[in-house]
Protein backbone atom coordinates (compact mmCIF):
# COMPACT_ATOMS: atom_id res chain seq x y z
CA MET A 1 170.24 76.78 -41.46
CA TYR A 2 170.54 73.00 -41.33
CA VAL A 3 170.83 69.92 -43.49
CA ARG A 4 168.69 66.80 -43.23
CA MET A 5 170.20 63.37 -43.82
CA GLY A 6 168.46 60.27 -45.08
CA LEU A 7 167.31 57.51 -42.75
CA TRP A 8 170.44 55.52 -43.54
CA ALA A 9 172.40 57.43 -40.92
CA VAL A 10 173.10 55.09 -37.99
CA GLY A 11 176.06 53.62 -36.17
CA LEU A 12 179.18 54.31 -34.22
CA GLY A 13 182.60 54.87 -35.59
CA LEU A 14 186.24 55.66 -35.49
CA ALA A 15 187.88 58.86 -36.02
CA ALA A 16 190.92 60.53 -37.28
CA SER A 17 192.04 63.79 -38.90
CA ILE A 18 194.67 66.49 -38.56
CA ALA A 19 194.85 70.06 -37.40
CA ALA A 20 196.03 73.20 -39.12
CA THR A 21 197.93 76.09 -37.58
CA PRO A 22 197.50 79.85 -37.80
CA ALA A 23 199.07 81.56 -40.74
CA GLY A 24 202.82 81.93 -40.72
CA ALA A 25 205.02 84.98 -40.94
CA GLU A 26 204.06 85.59 -44.55
CA GLY A 27 200.57 86.62 -43.49
CA PRO A 28 197.28 85.12 -44.62
CA THR A 29 195.79 85.45 -48.06
CA ARG A 30 192.06 85.78 -47.58
CA GLY A 31 189.41 84.28 -49.78
CA GLY A 32 189.22 81.22 -51.92
CA THR A 33 187.57 77.82 -51.62
CA LEU A 34 189.44 74.86 -50.17
CA THR A 35 188.45 71.51 -51.67
CA TYR A 36 189.53 68.65 -49.42
CA LEU A 37 189.13 64.89 -49.62
CA ILE A 38 187.13 62.76 -47.16
CA PRO A 39 188.31 59.12 -47.51
CA ALA A 40 184.90 57.53 -46.85
CA ASP A 41 181.66 56.87 -48.67
CA ALA A 42 179.59 58.84 -46.12
CA PRO A 43 179.39 59.44 -42.36
CA PRO A 44 177.19 57.06 -40.32
CA SER A 45 175.59 60.19 -38.83
CA PHE A 46 176.41 63.87 -38.28
CA ASP A 47 176.40 63.58 -34.46
CA GLY A 48 179.85 64.04 -32.94
CA HIS A 49 178.63 62.88 -29.54
CA ARG A 50 177.42 59.60 -31.01
CA GLU A 51 180.22 58.89 -33.50
CA THR A 52 183.95 58.32 -33.34
CA THR A 53 184.74 58.14 -37.05
CA PHE A 54 186.85 60.51 -39.11
CA ALA A 55 184.02 60.43 -41.64
CA THR A 56 181.86 62.40 -39.21
CA VAL A 57 184.65 64.75 -38.07
CA HIS A 58 185.77 65.59 -41.60
CA THR A 59 182.14 66.15 -42.57
CA ALA A 60 180.74 68.22 -39.72
CA ALA A 61 183.46 69.58 -37.40
CA PRO A 62 183.98 72.83 -39.38
CA TYR A 63 180.44 73.88 -38.45
CA TYR A 64 180.84 73.53 -34.67
CA SER A 65 182.56 74.99 -31.64
CA VAL A 66 184.04 73.22 -28.60
CA LEU A 67 184.66 74.39 -25.05
CA ILE A 68 188.44 73.83 -24.99
CA ARG A 69 190.95 72.27 -27.36
CA VAL A 70 194.63 71.69 -27.99
CA PRO A 71 196.41 74.84 -29.26
CA PRO A 72 195.89 75.52 -32.97
CA ASP A 73 199.55 76.54 -33.22
CA ASN A 74 200.75 73.44 -31.35
CA PRO A 75 198.22 70.75 -32.29
CA SER A 76 200.40 67.81 -31.20
CA SER A 77 200.52 69.00 -27.59
CA THR A 78 199.41 66.47 -24.97
CA THR A 79 199.57 68.83 -21.99
CA GLU A 80 198.57 72.32 -23.18
CA PHE A 81 194.95 73.35 -23.70
CA VAL A 82 193.33 76.61 -24.77
CA CYS A 83 189.85 78.07 -24.82
CA ASP A 84 187.51 77.99 -27.76
CA LEU A 85 184.16 79.04 -26.30
CA CYS A 86 185.53 79.87 -22.86
CA THR A 87 187.38 83.12 -22.06
CA GLU A 88 190.33 81.66 -20.13
CA MET A 89 191.47 78.29 -18.83
CA PRO A 90 190.34 77.97 -15.20
CA LYS A 91 192.39 76.96 -12.21
CA PRO A 92 190.70 74.10 -10.37
CA THR A 93 189.39 74.64 -6.84
CA ASP A 94 188.14 72.33 -4.11
CA GLY A 95 191.30 70.26 -4.17
CA GLY A 96 191.20 69.89 -7.95
CA LYS A 97 187.56 68.79 -8.08
CA THR A 98 185.84 71.94 -9.39
CA TYR A 99 186.44 73.71 -12.71
CA THR A 100 184.57 76.95 -13.45
CA PHE A 101 184.52 78.16 -17.06
CA LYS A 102 183.47 81.63 -18.16
CA ILE A 103 181.79 81.52 -21.59
CA ARG A 104 182.37 84.06 -24.38
CA GLN A 105 179.58 86.59 -24.78
CA GLY A 106 178.17 87.60 -28.16
CA VAL A 107 178.63 84.18 -29.79
CA LYS A 108 175.86 83.45 -32.31
CA TRP A 109 174.40 80.23 -33.57
CA HIS A 110 174.21 79.99 -37.34
CA ASP A 111 170.48 80.70 -37.12
CA GLY A 112 171.32 84.08 -35.56
CA SER A 113 170.28 83.29 -32.00
CA LYS A 114 172.54 83.78 -28.96
CA LEU A 115 174.75 80.98 -27.61
CA THR A 116 174.93 80.86 -23.79
CA ALA A 117 176.41 78.75 -21.02
CA GLN A 118 173.10 76.90 -20.91
CA ASP A 119 173.87 75.46 -24.35
CA VAL A 120 177.37 74.43 -23.28
CA ALA A 121 176.10 72.72 -20.11
CA ALA A 122 173.28 70.97 -21.99
CA SER A 123 175.73 69.62 -24.58
CA TRP A 124 178.11 68.32 -21.96
CA ASN A 125 175.31 66.80 -19.92
CA GLU A 126 174.22 64.87 -23.01
CA ILE A 127 177.79 63.62 -23.49
CA VAL A 128 178.38 62.66 -19.84
CA PHE A 129 174.85 61.66 -18.81
CA PRO A 130 173.10 60.63 -22.05
CA PRO A 131 169.31 60.25 -21.75
CA LYS A 132 167.68 56.89 -22.36
CA GLY A 133 167.91 55.89 -25.99
CA VAL A 134 170.83 58.24 -26.74
CA THR A 135 174.32 56.93 -27.42
CA SER A 136 177.37 58.80 -26.14
CA ALA A 137 180.41 57.06 -27.57
CA ARG A 138 182.91 58.36 -25.00
CA VAL A 139 180.77 58.36 -21.87
CA SER A 140 183.32 56.26 -19.95
CA PHE A 141 185.91 59.02 -20.43
CA TYR A 142 183.91 61.16 -18.02
CA ALA A 143 183.41 58.81 -15.09
CA MET A 144 185.18 61.39 -12.91
CA ILE A 145 182.40 63.97 -13.45
CA ASP A 146 179.75 64.23 -10.73
CA LYS A 147 177.61 67.02 -12.20
CA ILE A 148 177.63 69.90 -14.67
CA GLU A 149 175.68 73.09 -14.12
CA ALA A 150 175.23 76.55 -15.59
CA PRO A 151 174.38 78.96 -12.72
CA ASP A 152 174.01 81.81 -15.23
CA ASP A 153 174.32 82.47 -18.96
CA ALA A 154 178.06 83.10 -18.74
CA THR A 155 179.25 80.30 -16.43
CA VAL A 156 179.63 76.53 -16.64
CA VAL A 157 180.83 74.54 -13.62
CA PHE A 158 182.14 70.96 -13.72
CA HIS A 159 182.10 69.18 -10.35
CA LEU A 160 184.33 66.08 -10.23
CA LYS A 161 184.05 63.05 -7.97
CA TYR A 162 187.82 63.01 -7.59
CA ALA A 163 190.77 65.05 -8.81
CA THR A 164 192.50 63.63 -11.88
CA THR A 165 194.94 64.82 -14.52
CA ALA A 166 192.86 62.94 -17.10
CA PHE A 167 190.01 65.47 -16.92
CA LEU A 168 191.28 68.34 -19.10
CA PRO A 169 192.57 66.08 -21.90
CA ALA A 170 189.18 64.38 -21.91
CA LEU A 171 187.39 67.73 -21.98
CA ALA A 172 189.46 68.73 -25.02
CA ASP A 173 188.01 65.89 -27.08
CA PRO A 174 187.38 67.19 -30.62
CA PHE A 175 184.03 65.39 -30.91
CA ALA A 176 182.58 67.33 -27.97
CA TRP A 177 180.70 69.78 -30.17
CA ILE A 178 178.44 72.33 -28.56
CA TYR A 179 174.80 71.94 -29.54
CA LYS A 180 171.82 74.23 -29.04
CA LYS A 181 169.92 73.40 -25.84
CA GLU A 182 166.56 74.29 -27.35
CA ILE A 183 167.07 71.67 -30.07
CA LEU A 184 168.36 68.99 -27.69
CA ASP A 185 165.38 69.52 -25.41
CA LYS A 186 162.96 68.96 -28.28
CA ASP A 187 164.79 66.03 -29.93
CA PRO A 188 168.12 64.62 -28.63
CA HIS A 189 168.49 62.73 -31.94
CA TRP A 190 168.12 65.84 -34.13
CA TYR A 191 171.87 66.31 -34.62
CA GLU A 192 172.25 62.82 -36.05
CA LYS A 193 170.58 64.01 -39.26
CA ASN A 194 171.07 67.78 -39.16
CA ILE A 195 173.83 70.37 -38.84
CA MET A 196 173.52 73.71 -37.02
CA GLY A 197 176.39 75.05 -34.98
CA SER A 198 178.40 78.17 -34.16
CA GLY A 199 181.70 77.29 -35.86
CA PRO A 200 183.74 79.05 -38.55
CA PHE A 201 181.66 77.77 -41.47
CA LYS A 202 177.92 77.68 -42.13
CA PHE A 203 176.37 74.73 -43.92
CA GLU A 204 175.40 75.29 -47.55
CA SER A 205 174.66 71.89 -49.13
CA TYR A 206 175.08 68.14 -48.76
CA GLU A 207 174.88 65.36 -51.34
CA VAL A 208 174.94 61.86 -49.85
CA GLY A 209 178.11 60.06 -50.87
CA GLN A 210 179.24 63.02 -52.98
CA SER A 211 180.10 66.22 -51.11
CA ILE A 212 179.40 68.69 -48.32
CA LYS A 213 179.84 72.44 -48.74
CA GLY A 214 180.14 75.31 -46.27
CA VAL A 215 180.62 79.08 -46.47
CA ARG A 216 182.42 81.55 -44.25
CA ASN A 217 180.61 82.46 -41.03
CA PRO A 218 180.76 86.29 -40.92
CA ASP A 219 179.84 86.26 -37.22
CA TYR A 220 182.61 83.88 -36.13
CA TYR A 221 183.90 84.87 -32.70
CA HIS A 222 187.59 84.39 -33.52
CA LYS A 223 188.06 87.77 -35.16
CA GLY A 224 189.48 87.75 -38.67
CA GLN A 225 188.74 84.07 -39.22
CA PRO A 226 188.09 82.01 -41.16
CA TYR A 227 190.50 83.06 -43.86
CA LEU A 228 188.70 80.91 -46.42
CA ASP A 229 185.49 81.97 -48.14
CA ALA A 230 184.26 78.40 -48.48
CA ILE A 231 185.11 74.73 -48.06
CA VAL A 232 184.08 71.67 -50.06
CA GLY A 233 184.56 68.15 -48.70
CA ILE A 234 184.53 65.44 -51.38
CA TYR A 235 183.78 61.82 -50.38
CA THR A 236 186.41 59.58 -52.00
CA PRO A 237 186.76 56.14 -50.40
CA LYS A 238 189.12 54.89 -53.12
CA GLN A 239 192.78 55.74 -52.64
CA ALA A 240 193.47 55.84 -56.38
CA VAL A 241 190.77 58.48 -56.84
CA ARG A 242 192.26 60.63 -54.06
CA ILE A 243 195.72 60.42 -55.58
CA ASP A 244 194.38 61.38 -59.01
CA ALA A 245 192.47 64.31 -57.50
CA LEU A 246 195.60 65.68 -55.83
CA ARG A 247 197.69 65.10 -58.94
CA ALA A 248 195.22 66.89 -61.21
CA ASP A 249 194.62 69.70 -58.65
CA ARG A 250 190.93 68.85 -58.38
CA ALA A 251 191.47 68.79 -54.60
CA ALA A 252 194.02 70.62 -52.49
CA ILE A 253 194.57 68.44 -49.43
CA GLU A 254 194.07 64.99 -47.90
CA PHE A 255 193.77 65.15 -44.10
CA ARG A 256 193.62 61.48 -43.12
CA GLY A 257 196.81 60.19 -44.70
CA LEU A 258 198.19 58.24 -47.64
CA PRO A 259 200.78 55.41 -47.71
CA PRO A 260 204.51 55.90 -48.46
CA SER A 261 204.08 54.66 -52.04
CA ALA A 262 201.53 57.40 -52.77
CA ARG A 263 203.74 60.02 -51.16
CA ASP A 264 206.73 59.01 -53.22
CA GLN A 265 204.68 58.88 -56.42
CA LEU A 266 203.18 62.35 -55.99
CA VAL A 267 206.45 63.96 -54.90
CA LYS A 268 208.18 62.48 -57.95
CA GLU A 269 205.49 63.73 -60.30
CA LEU A 270 204.69 67.13 -58.75
CA GLY A 271 207.95 68.21 -57.11
CA ASP A 272 207.55 71.53 -55.33
CA LYS A 273 203.86 71.66 -56.20
CA ILE A 274 203.13 69.24 -53.35
CA THR A 275 204.04 69.47 -49.66
CA VAL A 276 204.29 66.56 -47.23
CA GLN A 277 203.92 66.38 -43.45
CA GLU A 278 204.21 63.24 -41.35
CA SER A 279 203.33 62.31 -37.78
CA ASP A 280 202.57 59.40 -35.48
CA TRP A 281 198.91 58.67 -34.90
CA ASN A 282 197.21 57.74 -31.65
CA CYS A 283 195.30 55.14 -33.58
CA GLY A 284 195.60 51.49 -34.47
CA ASN A 285 193.59 48.63 -35.93
CA ILE A 286 192.21 46.02 -33.58
CA LEU A 287 190.53 42.68 -34.20
CA THR A 288 187.39 42.09 -32.17
CA PRO A 289 186.21 38.45 -31.85
CA ASN A 290 182.49 38.22 -31.14
CA SER A 291 182.41 36.52 -27.73
CA ARG A 292 178.65 36.06 -28.08
CA LYS A 293 179.13 33.56 -30.93
CA LYS A 294 180.67 30.12 -30.86
CA PRO A 295 183.50 29.24 -31.07
CA PHE A 296 184.73 32.77 -30.30
CA ASP A 297 183.30 32.48 -26.80
CA ASP A 298 186.24 30.12 -26.16
CA VAL A 299 189.39 31.94 -25.05
CA ARG A 300 191.51 29.21 -26.68
CA VAL A 301 190.13 30.13 -30.10
CA ARG A 302 190.60 33.84 -29.50
CA LYS A 303 194.17 33.26 -28.34
CA ALA A 304 194.91 31.17 -31.44
CA LEU A 305 193.81 34.07 -33.63
CA ALA A 306 196.37 36.29 -31.89
CA LEU A 307 199.19 33.74 -31.84
CA ALA A 308 198.98 33.24 -35.62
CA ILE A 309 199.89 36.86 -36.43
CA ASP A 310 203.56 37.77 -36.92
CA GLN A 311 203.54 41.37 -35.71
CA TRP A 312 207.28 41.95 -35.67
CA HIS A 313 207.89 40.99 -39.30
CA GLY A 314 204.48 42.01 -40.58
CA ALA A 315 204.58 45.65 -39.48
CA PRO A 316 207.73 46.63 -41.45
CA ALA A 317 206.38 44.90 -44.57
CA LEU A 318 202.98 46.57 -44.26
CA ALA A 319 204.57 49.97 -43.70
CA LYS A 320 205.78 49.94 -47.31
CA ILE A 321 202.25 49.87 -48.69
CA ALA A 322 199.91 50.89 -45.87
CA THR A 323 199.56 53.62 -43.25
CA VAL A 324 200.70 51.41 -40.36
CA ARG A 325 204.12 51.10 -38.79
CA THR A 326 204.66 50.59 -35.05
CA VAL A 327 203.93 47.45 -33.02
CA GLY A 328 202.28 48.33 -29.71
CA GLY A 329 199.87 47.23 -27.02
CA ILE A 330 196.76 48.98 -25.76
CA VAL A 331 198.74 52.16 -24.94
CA PHE A 332 200.03 54.56 -27.60
CA PRO A 333 203.73 53.66 -28.20
CA GLY A 334 206.09 56.19 -26.65
CA SER A 335 203.80 57.01 -23.74
CA PRO A 336 205.31 56.49 -20.26
CA LEU A 337 202.54 53.97 -19.63
CA ALA A 338 203.20 51.99 -22.83
CA ALA A 339 204.65 48.48 -22.73
CA THR A 340 208.26 47.97 -23.75
CA LYS A 341 209.12 45.52 -26.51
CA GLU A 342 210.26 43.02 -23.89
CA GLU A 343 206.98 43.36 -22.01
CA LEU A 344 204.95 42.95 -25.19
CA GLN A 345 206.84 39.79 -26.13
CA GLN A 346 205.48 38.04 -23.05
CA MET A 347 201.90 38.23 -24.39
CA ALA A 348 200.01 36.24 -27.01
CA GLY A 349 200.44 37.71 -30.47
CA TYR A 350 203.83 39.24 -29.68
CA TRP A 351 206.05 36.20 -29.10
CA PRO A 352 209.43 36.68 -30.85
CA ASP A 353 209.42 33.05 -32.13
CA ILE A 354 206.56 32.98 -34.62
CA GLU A 355 206.93 29.26 -35.34
CA LYS A 356 206.54 28.46 -31.65
CA SER A 357 203.61 30.85 -31.51
CA ARG A 358 201.81 29.22 -34.43
CA ALA A 359 202.45 25.72 -33.08
CA GLU A 360 200.72 26.77 -29.86
CA ALA A 361 197.87 28.26 -31.89
CA LYS A 362 197.31 24.96 -33.71
CA ARG A 363 197.39 23.07 -30.39
CA LEU A 364 194.77 25.35 -28.89
CA LEU A 365 192.49 25.06 -31.94
CA LYS A 366 192.69 21.25 -31.81
CA GLU A 367 191.98 21.26 -28.09
CA ALA A 368 188.97 23.51 -28.66
CA GLY A 369 187.68 21.42 -31.57
CA ALA A 370 188.08 24.33 -33.97
CA GLU A 371 190.66 23.05 -36.46
CA GLY A 372 190.04 24.31 -39.99
CA LEU A 373 187.53 26.86 -38.72
CA LYS A 374 185.73 28.90 -41.39
CA PHE A 375 184.44 32.37 -40.52
CA GLU A 376 183.99 35.93 -41.77
CA LEU A 377 186.16 38.94 -41.07
CA LEU A 378 183.91 41.99 -41.13
CA ASN A 379 185.83 44.93 -42.54
CA ARG A 380 185.24 48.51 -43.57
CA ASN A 381 185.18 49.66 -47.18
CA VAL A 382 188.16 51.97 -46.68
CA ASP A 383 191.40 51.13 -48.46
CA GLN A 384 193.84 52.59 -45.96
CA PRO A 385 194.59 50.81 -43.82
CA TYR A 386 191.55 48.59 -43.26
CA LYS A 387 191.51 46.43 -46.39
CA PHE A 388 195.31 46.21 -46.56
CA VAL A 389 195.57 45.06 -42.95
CA GLY A 390 192.58 42.74 -43.31
CA THR A 391 194.14 40.98 -46.28
CA TRP A 392 197.39 40.55 -44.34
CA VAL A 393 195.63 39.11 -41.28
CA ILE A 394 193.68 36.56 -43.34
CA GLY A 395 196.95 35.41 -44.86
CA GLU A 396 198.43 34.95 -41.38
CA TRP A 397 195.43 32.88 -40.25
CA LYS A 398 195.75 30.59 -43.25
CA LYS A 399 199.16 29.55 -41.90
CA ILE A 400 197.45 27.80 -38.98
CA GLY A 401 194.69 26.26 -41.10
CA LEU A 402 191.99 28.87 -40.58
CA ASN A 403 189.79 29.90 -43.50
CA ALA A 404 188.55 33.46 -43.14
CA GLU A 405 186.62 35.34 -45.79
CA GLN A 406 186.83 39.12 -45.76
CA LYS A 407 183.39 40.74 -45.80
CA VAL A 408 183.93 44.37 -46.83
CA VAL A 409 180.94 46.69 -46.38
CA PRO A 410 180.33 50.47 -46.42
CA THR A 411 180.76 52.46 -43.22
CA GLY A 412 177.09 52.48 -42.20
CA PRO A 413 176.49 48.70 -42.48
CA TRP A 414 179.89 48.08 -40.87
CA PHE A 415 178.78 49.89 -37.73
CA GLN A 416 175.32 48.35 -37.86
CA ASN A 417 176.78 44.84 -37.88
CA MET A 418 179.13 45.56 -35.00
CA ARG A 419 176.43 47.22 -32.88
CA ALA A 420 174.00 44.37 -33.56
CA GLY A 421 176.62 41.70 -32.91
CA THR A 422 176.03 40.12 -36.34
CA PHE A 423 179.66 39.30 -37.10
CA ASP A 424 182.29 36.66 -36.32
CA VAL A 425 185.43 38.80 -36.07
CA ALA A 426 185.51 42.51 -36.87
CA MET A 427 188.37 44.66 -38.08
CA GLU A 428 188.00 48.01 -36.34
CA ALA A 429 190.27 50.53 -34.63
CA ASN A 430 190.91 52.47 -31.44
CA CYS A 431 191.57 56.05 -32.48
CA GLN A 432 191.82 58.89 -29.98
CA SER A 433 192.75 62.55 -30.10
CA VAL A 434 194.88 63.95 -27.28
CA VAL A 435 197.14 61.19 -25.92
CA ASN A 436 195.48 60.37 -22.60
CA PRO A 437 196.57 56.76 -21.89
CA VAL A 438 194.38 55.99 -18.90
CA LEU A 439 191.23 57.00 -20.77
CA ASP A 440 192.35 55.89 -24.25
CA THR A 441 192.36 52.29 -23.01
CA GLY A 442 188.69 52.48 -22.06
CA LYS A 443 187.98 51.02 -25.51
CA TYR A 444 188.91 47.60 -24.07
CA LEU A 445 186.22 47.65 -21.38
CA PRO A 446 182.98 45.66 -21.75
CA GLY A 447 180.26 47.32 -23.80
CA LYS A 448 178.08 47.98 -20.75
CA VAL A 449 180.78 50.40 -19.57
CA PHE A 450 182.21 51.56 -22.90
CA PRO A 451 179.49 51.66 -25.60
CA ASP A 452 182.06 51.68 -28.42
CA ASN A 453 183.21 48.13 -27.54
CA TYR A 454 181.54 45.46 -29.68
CA GLY A 455 183.14 42.26 -28.34
CA GLY A 456 180.05 41.19 -26.41
CA TYR A 457 181.95 40.19 -23.28
CA ASP A 458 181.23 40.97 -19.64
CA ASP A 459 184.34 41.01 -17.47
CA GLN A 460 184.22 42.56 -14.00
CA LYS A 461 187.93 41.97 -13.43
CA SER A 462 188.69 44.13 -16.47
CA ILE A 463 186.54 46.93 -15.03
CA ASP A 464 188.16 46.64 -11.61
CA LEU A 465 191.70 46.78 -13.06
CA TYR A 466 190.79 49.83 -15.14
CA ASN A 467 189.23 51.66 -12.19
CA LYS A 468 192.22 50.92 -9.97
CA MET A 469 194.49 52.47 -12.59
CA GLN A 470 192.31 55.59 -12.83
CA TYR A 471 192.54 56.34 -9.12
CA GLU A 472 196.28 55.69 -8.81
CA THR A 473 198.41 58.85 -8.63
CA ASP A 474 201.87 57.29 -8.25
CA PRO A 475 203.34 56.98 -11.81
CA LYS A 476 205.20 53.73 -11.10
CA LYS A 477 202.19 52.07 -9.52
CA GLN A 478 199.92 53.32 -12.28
CA ARG A 479 202.23 51.82 -14.89
CA ALA A 480 202.14 48.47 -13.06
CA ASP A 481 198.33 48.70 -12.98
CA MET A 482 198.30 49.35 -16.74
CA ARG A 483 200.43 46.27 -17.36
CA ALA A 484 198.01 44.13 -15.34
CA TYR A 485 195.03 45.53 -17.28
CA GLU A 486 196.80 45.02 -20.61
CA LYS A 487 197.90 41.46 -19.84
CA HIS A 488 194.41 40.51 -18.73
CA THR A 489 192.87 42.03 -21.88
CA LEU A 490 195.31 40.81 -24.52
CA ASP A 491 196.86 37.66 -23.06
CA GLU A 492 194.68 36.07 -20.39
CA MET A 493 191.27 36.70 -21.98
CA VAL A 494 192.21 37.94 -25.49
CA HIS A 495 189.13 40.12 -25.65
CA GLU A 496 190.84 42.14 -28.40
CA ILE A 497 193.86 41.73 -30.69
CA VAL A 498 195.88 44.91 -31.20
CA LEU A 499 197.54 45.35 -34.60
CA PRO A 500 200.27 47.84 -35.65
CA TYR A 501 199.57 51.51 -34.99
CA TRP A 502 198.86 53.90 -37.83
CA TYR A 503 201.25 56.46 -39.25
CA ARG A 504 200.05 59.61 -40.97
CA ILE A 505 201.47 60.95 -44.23
CA ASN A 506 199.52 64.04 -45.32
CA LEU A 507 199.86 65.74 -48.68
CA ALA A 508 198.66 69.13 -49.86
CA ARG A 509 199.13 71.31 -52.89
CA SER A 510 201.88 73.82 -52.18
CA TYR A 511 199.49 76.80 -52.24
CA VAL A 512 197.76 75.55 -49.05
CA LYS A 513 199.30 77.44 -46.13
CA GLY A 514 199.02 77.25 -42.37
CA TRP A 515 198.43 73.54 -41.79
CA LYS A 516 200.27 71.02 -39.66
CA THR A 517 199.79 67.30 -39.07
CA SER A 518 198.43 66.37 -35.69
CA PRO A 519 196.79 63.46 -33.87
CA SER A 520 194.13 65.80 -32.50
CA HIS A 521 191.30 65.11 -34.97
CA TYR A 522 190.31 68.78 -35.16
CA LEU A 523 188.92 70.28 -38.35
CA ASN A 524 186.85 73.16 -36.98
CA GLN A 525 189.25 75.99 -36.13
CA ASP A 526 191.91 74.24 -38.16
CA LEU A 527 190.10 74.82 -41.44
CA ALA A 528 189.43 78.36 -40.25
CA ASN A 529 193.19 78.83 -40.01
CA ILE A 530 194.03 77.50 -43.47
CA TRP A 531 194.70 80.13 -46.09
CA LEU A 532 195.46 79.96 -49.78
CA ASP A 533 198.13 81.63 -51.86
CA LYS A 534 197.14 80.53 -55.31
């Protein structure tokens, strides 16, 4: 069974969601339909290999399986991984360069056919070595992989070029859905417009911009799951509509997150009928100047854009109304490789004296002949946090005489414009699942290396610094390498401007059991683990 999308489905994206946990001590209550909210107008496509947006994950992940993942009962883990389609986590051989996975037997595709190791290998080969004309959004994450093979129907072997601790976290990526080899061989683009997997739910119906529905997969290989009979995802890009839906019990849960004001409002109104969970998010907005267009090909102009923004005072103010909170660099705050506040303050856009920073911005604009520059900020038609942060940034730029107009478009056209390079400056984000700092920062590489970068720049030094960091095994030296890469990216060349990181506040009706906030972006097994007591 599959669903066909319209021809509108194109683009690349950003992703974010949460994970649920197995039922607690009370025991699961089987049955029921979970209606959840998807805070987007529609996904750019259904293909998890191509996309990085939560709109695709929230739409299609429940219908697919992955090879490995973070533990469903510990979804915030950054070091522990468990099997989904494999039978046990392998111990690497050949000095850490070979991983051999045994694949579950008896797993069925939703069309009733048998899933084998050949399907798993074909899916991963498309992700790591995409054929001509096929986009793999995270291909740079797998630079350590030499080849992938399936010597028989029950075995998949990954051969690495070099041993690295970054491999398993990268393999656990929640977008790495397993597709049917027979379909990929016939049409590698088929999954952009269709759904057919082996996950806990089977597709039932899809209405563009309205909803997607799935029913329990009776042949699911995790025995006893899913607990739910059905799921319904409702597309609701407007925050006010999502709040009303939760308040009126027209929907049970919001996985992506609402701002503190919405949390406080719903808790005040609903009391013990609503439950709240909060967590940090390995995700943050970034501003991407289009280096292919004048005057943004001038580093002085790009640096002025960064110097105008008061991060240290802006983040606390935004946190009251938007799902952002922590000032950080290219590495998730709190990671051992992340910059300290003192280190950040040495770079453009983080100076502690904002008046001095803005004076330098004005000087650079005058020197570059770009005083009073007028341009467009391309932004996504998603309230939280895109439009809130975009409005704030435009206000900051006005303080140095810049006149930016916010161009807000739906998700599909947003990606189309970024991919085509038809924008001045774009508001986007770098959102990852498992915290894997060395690979997470691949977003800041030139587009020829990292397809999900839209800045239009070519910078061999950036690539060299990144590669040096990947091969380094000494933690202190690797941290120093990260600082050099970060300074080059954000201060010397200002290829990107990092804005405050996101913070997740999830709300659910109190009858929804067995869920837990997580930065892992999973919704496949996680929805299988949700149960209702209503």
